[in-house]
């Protein structure tokens, strides 16, 4: 469950407002991995009737 959440340690709320070209590209792939894990966890919770 969100085993990769530590990869978000360099994400800042301000990144939401950066233009795509200004994002730290070295981090974007890690953030995507964590987001996909979170979406998978939500989907499993929905299937299990928890959400």
C-alpha atoms as a PDB file:
ATOM      1  CA  UNK A   1       0.000   0.000   0.000  1.00  0.00           C
ATOM      2  CA  UNK A   2       1.640   3.183  -1.215  1.00  0.00           C
ATOM      3  CA  UNK A   3       5.074   1.656  -0.761  1.00  0.00           C
ATOM      4  CA  UNK A   4       6.566   4.373  -2.918  1.00  0.00           C
ATOM      5  CA  UNK A   5       5.049   7.340  -1.067  1.00  0.00           C
ATOM      6  CA  UNK A   6       8.541   8.452  -0.028  1.00  0.00           C
ATOM      7  CA  UNK A   7       9.137   9.362  -3.658  1.00  0.00           C
ATOM      8  CA  UNK A   8       6.815  12.335  -3.110  1.00  0.00           C
ATOM      9  CA  UNK A   9       9.158  13.929  -0.572  1.00  0.00           C
ATOM     10  CA  UNK A  10      10.348  16.529  -3.069  1.00  0.00           C
ATOM     11  CA  UNK A  11       6.852  17.505  -4.248  1.00  0.00           C
ATOM     12  CA  UNK A  12       5.627  20.932  -3.196  1.00  0.00           C
ATOM     13  CA  UNK A  13       2.122  22.357  -3.437  1.00  0.00           C
ATOM     14  CA  UNK A  14       3.528  25.055  -5.736  1.00  0.00           C
ATOM     15  CA  UNK A  15       4.271  22.384  -8.344  1.00  0.00           C
ATOM     16  CA  UNK A  16       0.508  22.327  -9.078  1.00  0.00           C
ATOM     17  CA  UNK A  17       0.860  25.776 -10.621  1.00  0.00           C
ATOM     18  CA  UNK A  18       4.123  25.325 -12.533  1.00  0.00           C
ATOM     19  CA  UNK A  19       4.026  25.124 -16.288  1.00  0.00           C
ATOM     20  CA  UNK A  20       4.772  21.635 -17.527  1.00  0.00           C
ATOM     21  CA  UNK A  21       8.186  22.718 -18.786  1.00  0.00           C
ATOM     22  CA  UNK A  22       9.163  24.078 -15.368  1.00  0.00           C
ATOM     23  CA  UNK A  23       8.553  20.864 -13.414  1.00  0.00           C
ATOM     24  CA  UNK A  24      11.603  18.996 -12.116  1.00  0.00           C
ATOM     25  CA  UNK A  25      11.584  16.265 -14.758  1.00  0.00           C
ATOM     26  CA  UNK A  26      13.745  13.934 -12.703  1.00  0.00           C
ATOM     27  CA  UNK A  27      10.888  13.730 -10.166  1.00  0.00           C
ATOM     28  CA  UNK A  28       7.843  13.543 -12.429  1.00  0.00           C
ATOM     29  CA  UNK A  29       8.156   9.801 -13.144  1.00  0.00           C
ATOM     30  CA  UNK A  30       8.360   9.088  -9.397  1.00  0.00           C
ATOM     31  CA  UNK A  31       5.307  11.231  -8.700  1.00  0.00           C
ATOM     32  CA  UNK A  32       3.412   9.399 -11.430  1.00  0.00           C
ATOM     33  CA  UNK A  33       4.297   6.037  -9.873  1.00  0.00           C
ATOM     34  CA  UNK A  34       2.939   7.129  -6.492  1.00  0.00           C
ATOM     35  CA  UNK A  35      -0.213   8.551  -8.107  1.00  0.00           C
ATOM     36  CA  UNK A  36      -0.842   5.277  -9.923  1.00  0.00           C
ATOM     37  CA  UNK A  37      -0.384   3.343  -6.674  1.00  0.00           C
ATOM     38  CA  UNK A  38      -2.900   5.643  -4.967  1.00  0.00           C
ATOM     39  CA  UNK A  39      -5.425   5.215  -7.791  1.00  0.00           C
ATOM     40  CA  UNK A  40      -5.009   1.438  -7.593  1.00  0.00           C
ATOM     41  CA  UNK A  41      -5.578   1.517  -3.833  1.00  0.00           C
ATOM     42  CA  UNK A  42      -8.758   3.582  -4.297  1.00  0.00           C
ATOM     43  CA  UNK A  43     -10.023   1.227  -6.989  1.00  0.00           C
ATOM     44  CA  UNK A  44      -9.434  -1.795  -4.755  1.00  0.00           C
ATOM     45  CA  UNK A  45     -11.246  -0.074  -1.862  1.00  0.00           C
ATOM     46  CA  UNK A  46     -14.217   0.624  -4.142  1.00  0.00           C
ATOM     47  CA  UNK A  47     -14.306  -2.989  -5.325  1.00  0.00           C
ATOM     48  CA  UNK A  48     -14.166  -4.164  -1.718  1.00  0.00           C
ATOM     49  CA  UNK A  49     -17.081  -1.887  -0.828  1.00  0.00           C
ATOM     50  CA  UNK A  50     -15.016   0.269   1.521  1.00  0.00           C
ATOM     51  CA  UNK A  51     -15.572   3.419  -0.523  1.00  0.00           C
END
